Amino acid sequence: MSTNQAIPNNLPVGKRLITSHNDAGQAVFHTVDQGHLKPVLGGVAQYNTVYSTVKTPIDLENEEDICVNEANQDLPLSIRGGSVCRIVDMEPGGRAPMHRTESVDYGIVIFGEAELILDSGETQLMRPGDVVVQRATKHSWYNPSKENWVRVAFVLLEALPVRVQGQVLGEELSGLSSDHPSTANFKSH
């Protein structure tokens, strides 16, 4: 569940802006807040789920998408048929367990440095402005700093299952399952 309680860190508090339309068809701000903050990984990191959708194309009529987003806060990492925009803050020395989602994830480092670790043993250090296109590969994240938090923005979009040599490489959430329902078991409200 969303707690909306930030874990104290050295990063600026971000603002979430959701736009809509007034009765005259003009653009207006529907929501201005901090999003939905949730401690994860035993307090090593926090998620800010900025927005999520459960289908495409997205139905904007009568702000249906906004209602669905607000009703669905206990989310899997990715949503079948939908999308998730999430900001992740990780403490110095923090590490996420190795995992795989059935999604294409765009990850953009905003503050600090993050090491992306693949299950092959390959690693890359990412700095602010660096972008990864994570194509349903098994990976982990590590904050190598001894002093500074790292912030990474992610947009996750459903992908078809990956097959390698005829074997399906499905979702693997080892060590993350206590923070997320599985994608297969997620039911939208």
Protein backbone atom coordinates (compact mmCIF):
# COMPACT_ATOMS: atom_id res chain seq x y z
CA MET A 1 0.00 0.00 0.00
CA SER A 2 1.05 3.57 -0.57
CA THR A 3 2.24 5.31 2.54
CA ASN A 4 3.06 8.72 1.06
CA GLN A 5 5.84 8.91 3.65
CA ALA A 6 9.20 9.67 2.09
CA ILE A 7 12.28 7.88 3.38
CA PRO A 8 14.66 10.67 4.46
CA ASN A 9 17.37 11.09 1.82
CA ASN A 10 19.54 13.75 0.18
CA LEU A 11 17.43 14.03 -3.00
CA PRO A 12 15.00 16.85 -3.81
CA VAL A 13 11.31 16.09 -3.36
CA GLY A 14 9.75 15.81 -6.81
CA LYS A 15 6.37 17.05 -7.95
CA ARG A 16 3.82 15.02 -9.96
CA LEU A 17 1.63 17.00 -12.35
CA ILE A 18 -1.38 15.37 -14.04
CA THR A 19 -3.17 17.44 -16.67
CA SER A 20 -6.75 17.24 -17.91
CA HIS A 21 -9.36 19.50 -19.58
CA ASN A 22 -11.97 21.89 -18.26
CA ASP A 23 -15.50 22.15 -19.67
CA ALA A 24 -14.25 24.61 -22.32
CA GLY A 25 -11.69 22.05 -23.54
CA GLN A 26 -8.73 23.99 -22.16
CA ALA A 27 -5.79 22.23 -20.53
CA VAL A 28 -5.79 22.40 -16.72
CA PHE A 29 -3.85 20.79 -13.88
CA HIS A 30 -5.93 17.98 -12.37
CA THR A 31 -3.37 16.90 -9.77
CA VAL A 32 -0.29 18.53 -8.27
CA ASP A 33 1.29 16.40 -5.54
CA GLN A 34 4.27 14.16 -4.73
CA GLY A 35 2.81 10.96 -6.19
CA HIS A 36 2.52 7.72 -4.24
CA LEU A 37 5.59 6.98 -2.11
CA LYS A 38 6.19 3.44 -0.86
CA PRO A 39 9.21 2.05 1.02
CA VAL A 40 10.48 -1.21 -0.56
CA LEU A 41 13.29 -3.71 -0.09
CA GLY A 42 13.04 -3.37 3.67
CA GLY A 43 13.56 0.39 3.51
CA VAL A 44 16.66 0.28 1.27
CA ALA A 45 14.68 2.04 -1.46
CA GLN A 46 11.39 3.79 -2.11
CA TYR A 47 9.08 3.84 -5.12
CA ASN A 48 7.09 6.79 -6.30
CA THR A 49 4.45 5.43 -8.63
CA VAL A 50 3.82 8.47 -10.77
CA TYR A 51 1.12 6.95 -12.98
CA SER A 52 -0.13 3.64 -14.31
CA THR A 53 -2.55 2.47 -16.97
CA VAL A 54 -4.20 -0.92 -17.40
CA LYS A 55 -4.87 -0.94 -21.16
CA THR A 56 -3.97 0.68 -24.45
CA PRO A 57 -5.15 2.75 -26.06
CA ILE A 58 -5.76 4.72 -22.88
CA ASP A 59 -9.35 5.91 -22.35
CA LEU A 60 -9.22 9.59 -21.37
CA GLU A 61 -13.02 10.04 -21.49
CA ASN A 62 -14.45 11.30 -18.18
CA GLU A 63 -10.97 10.95 -16.66
CA GLU A 64 -11.40 7.16 -16.52
CA ASP A 65 -7.63 6.69 -16.62
CA ILE A 66 -7.14 8.96 -13.60
CA CYS A 67 -9.78 7.03 -11.61
CA VAL A 68 -8.17 3.69 -12.53
CA ASN A 69 -4.70 5.00 -11.64
CA GLU A 70 -5.84 6.18 -8.19
CA ALA A 71 -7.62 2.87 -7.50
CA ASN A 72 -4.58 0.74 -8.40
CA GLN A 73 -1.76 1.52 -5.99
CA ASP A 74 -0.65 -2.00 -4.97
CA LEU A 75 0.94 -2.70 -8.34
CA PRO A 76 3.14 -5.39 -9.83
CA LEU A 77 6.40 -4.12 -11.34
CA SER A 78 4.74 -4.10 -14.78
CA ILE A 79 1.11 -4.36 -15.92
CA ARG A 80 -0.06 -6.63 -18.73
CA GLY A 81 -1.62 -4.46 -21.42
CA GLY A 82 -0.76 -1.28 -19.54
CA SER A 83 2.08 0.94 -18.42
CA VAL A 84 3.78 2.05 -15.22
CA CYS A 85 5.80 5.21 -14.63
CA ARG A 86 7.81 4.89 -11.42
CA ILE A 87 10.63 6.80 -9.74
CA VAL A 88 13.01 4.70 -7.63
CA ASP A 89 15.27 6.21 -4.95
CA MET A 90 17.94 3.88 -3.50
CA GLU A 91 20.14 4.49 -0.47
CA PRO A 92 23.96 4.47 -0.60
CA GLY A 93 25.17 0.88 -0.94
CA GLY A 94 21.61 -0.30 -1.67
CA ARG A 95 21.05 -3.28 -3.94
CA ALA A 96 17.94 -4.69 -5.63
CA PRO A 97 17.71 -8.47 -6.06
CA MET A 98 18.19 -10.01 -9.51
CA HIS A 99 14.81 -9.99 -11.30
CA ARG A 100 13.06 -10.06 -14.69
CA THR A 101 9.76 -8.54 -15.82
CA GLU A 102 7.84 -9.31 -19.01
CA SER A 103 8.25 -5.74 -20.19
CA VAL A 104 10.38 -3.23 -22.00
CA ASP A 105 11.60 -0.73 -19.43
CA TYR A 106 13.07 2.67 -20.15
CA GLY A 107 15.31 3.61 -17.22
CA ILE A 108 16.79 7.12 -16.93
CA VAL A 109 19.22 8.08 -14.18
CA ILE A 110 18.25 11.49 -12.77
CA PHE A 111 20.54 11.90 -9.72
CA GLY A 112 23.58 9.95 -8.54
CA GLU A 113 25.05 6.82 -10.09
CA ALA A 114 23.56 3.35 -10.50
CA GLU A 115 25.28 0.17 -11.52
CA LEU A 116 23.18 -2.05 -13.78
CA ILE A 117 24.15 -5.70 -13.30
CA LEU A 118 23.05 -8.37 -15.80
CA ASP A 119 22.77 -12.08 -14.97
CA SER A 120 25.64 -12.75 -17.42
CA GLY A 121 27.91 -10.81 -15.05
CA GLU A 122 28.18 -7.78 -17.34
CA THR A 123 27.82 -4.39 -15.64
CA GLN A 124 27.54 -0.74 -16.64
CA LEU A 125 27.78 2.32 -14.43
CA MET A 126 25.01 4.77 -15.29
CA ARG A 127 25.19 8.50 -14.54
CA PRO A 128 22.60 11.31 -14.80
CA GLY A 129 21.19 11.44 -18.31
CA ASP A 130 22.11 7.82 -19.13
CA VAL A 131 19.25 5.69 -20.44
CA VAL A 132 18.82 1.91 -20.53
CA VAL A 133 16.28 0.06 -22.66
CA GLN A 134 15.75 -3.05 -20.54
CA ARG A 135 14.24 -5.73 -22.82
CA ALA A 136 12.89 -8.34 -20.36
CA THR A 137 16.44 -9.24 -19.30
CA LYS A 138 17.34 -10.50 -15.84
CA HIS A 139 19.10 -7.74 -13.93
CA SER A 140 19.84 -6.04 -10.64
CA TRP A 141 20.57 -2.48 -9.54
CA TYR A 142 23.27 -1.31 -7.13
CA ASN A 143 24.05 2.15 -5.73
CA PRO A 144 27.87 2.19 -5.45
CA SER A 145 27.99 5.50 -3.55
CA LYS A 146 28.89 5.50 0.13
CA GLU A 147 27.19 8.89 0.67
CA ASN A 148 24.57 9.72 -1.96
CA TRP A 149 21.21 8.33 -2.88
CA VAL A 150 20.47 7.53 -6.53
CA ARG A 151 17.21 8.32 -8.37
CA VAL A 152 16.16 6.46 -11.52
CA ALA A 153 12.95 7.06 -13.49
CA PHE A 154 11.35 4.04 -15.18
CA VAL A 155 8.57 3.60 -17.72
CA LEU A 156 7.52 -0.06 -18.06
CA LEU A 157 5.51 -1.33 -21.03
CA GLU A 158 4.22 -4.88 -21.53
CA ALA A 159 6.22 -7.11 -23.88
CA LEU A 160 5.54 -10.54 -25.34
CA PRO A 161 7.41 -13.35 -23.56
CA VAL A 162 11.06 -13.73 -24.57
CA ARG A 163 12.12 -17.08 -26.03
CA VAL A 164 15.75 -18.18 -26.16
CA GLN A 165 16.47 -21.52 -27.85
CA GLY A 166 12.77 -22.40 -27.50
CA GLN A 167 12.67 -21.71 -23.75
CA VAL A 168 10.33 -19.00 -22.44
CA LEU A 169 12.07 -16.60 -20.06
CA GLY A 170 9.19 -15.38 -17.91
CA GLU A 171 8.78 -13.04 -14.97
CA GLU A 172 11.18 -13.70 -12.05
CA LEU A 173 10.71 -11.60 -8.92
CA SER A 174 13.04 -13.38 -6.47
CA GLY A 175 13.40 -11.15 -3.43
CA LEU A 176 10.87 -8.62 -4.74
CA SER A 177 7.66 -10.60 -4.25
CA SER A 178 6.96 -9.13 -0.81
CA ASP A 179 6.80 -5.64 -2.37
CA HIS A 180 4.79 -6.57 -5.48
CA PRO A 181 1.96 -8.85 -6.53
CA SER A 182 2.92 -10.96 -9.54
CA THR A 183 1.94 -9.55 -12.92
CA ALA A 184 -0.12 -12.68 -13.63
CA ASN A 185 -2.16 -12.28 -10.42
CA PHE A 186 -2.80 -8.53 -10.72
CA LYS A 187 -6.47 -7.54 -11.01
CA SER A 188 -7.27 -3.93 -11.87
CA HIS A 189 -9.87 -2.09 -9.79
